[in-house]
Amino acid sequence: TAEAVTFMARLGGGLICVPTTESRLRQLGISEMVPDNRDSFRTDFQVSVDA
């Protein structure tokens, strides 16, 4: 719900990570944060979105 998202954003420091598929990211036009991911855990972060 919108109330739950507001609660998470306010008490969690303002950032909410949302898992999604590669195809959905393409549909939304959201690109990778870095082209060459060197994170030891291979965490695949995308650019931040302010909604």
Protein backbone atom coordinates (compact mmCIF):
# COMPACT_ATOMS: atom_id res chain seq x y z
CA THR A 1 0.00 0.00 0.00
CA ALA A 2 1.02 3.61 -0.30
CA GLU A 3 1.05 3.85 3.49
CA ALA A 4 3.51 0.94 3.76
CA VAL A 5 5.87 2.52 1.22
CA THR A 6 5.74 5.85 3.06
CA PHE A 7 6.49 4.06 6.34
CA MET A 8 9.51 2.23 4.83
CA ALA A 9 10.88 5.39 3.22
CA ARG A 10 10.53 7.47 6.38
CA LEU A 11 11.90 4.94 8.88
CA GLY A 12 14.37 3.19 6.57
CA GLY A 13 16.36 6.25 5.59
CA GLY A 14 14.56 7.07 2.36
CA LEU A 15 15.77 4.23 0.12
CA ILE A 16 13.71 1.21 -0.83
CA CYS A 17 15.27 -1.56 -2.92
CA VAL A 18 12.83 -3.36 -5.19
CA PRO A 19 13.68 -6.61 -6.98
CA THR A 20 12.47 -6.90 -10.56
CA THR A 21 13.22 -8.69 -13.80
CA GLU A 22 15.53 -7.59 -16.58
CA SER A 23 12.62 -7.40 -19.00
CA ARG A 24 10.65 -5.10 -16.68
CA LEU A 25 13.68 -2.82 -16.28
CA ARG A 26 13.90 -2.56 -20.07
CA GLN A 27 10.18 -1.73 -20.29
CA LEU A 28 10.64 1.06 -17.75
CA GLY A 29 13.84 2.33 -19.40
CA ILE A 30 15.90 1.84 -16.23
CA SER A 31 19.59 1.23 -16.92
CA GLU A 32 22.47 -0.23 -14.92
CA MET A 33 24.17 2.05 -12.42
CA VAL A 34 27.61 0.99 -13.65
CA PRO A 35 28.44 -0.75 -16.94
CA ASP A 36 31.21 -2.93 -15.45
CA ASN A 37 30.06 -4.38 -12.12
CA ARG A 38 33.07 -5.24 -9.94
CA ASP A 39 31.16 -5.82 -6.70
CA SER A 40 32.41 -8.99 -5.01
CA PHE A 41 28.83 -10.23 -4.62
CA ARG A 42 27.91 -9.18 -8.21
CA THR A 43 25.03 -7.07 -6.85
CA ASP A 44 23.36 -5.68 -9.95
CA PHE A 45 22.20 -2.19 -8.95
CA GLN A 46 20.26 -0.01 -11.37
CA VAL A 47 19.98 3.78 -11.41
CA SER A 48 17.90 5.30 -8.62
CA VAL A 49 14.34 6.34 -9.36
CA ASP A 50 12.45 9.03 -7.47
CA ALA A 51 8.77 8.19 -7.62
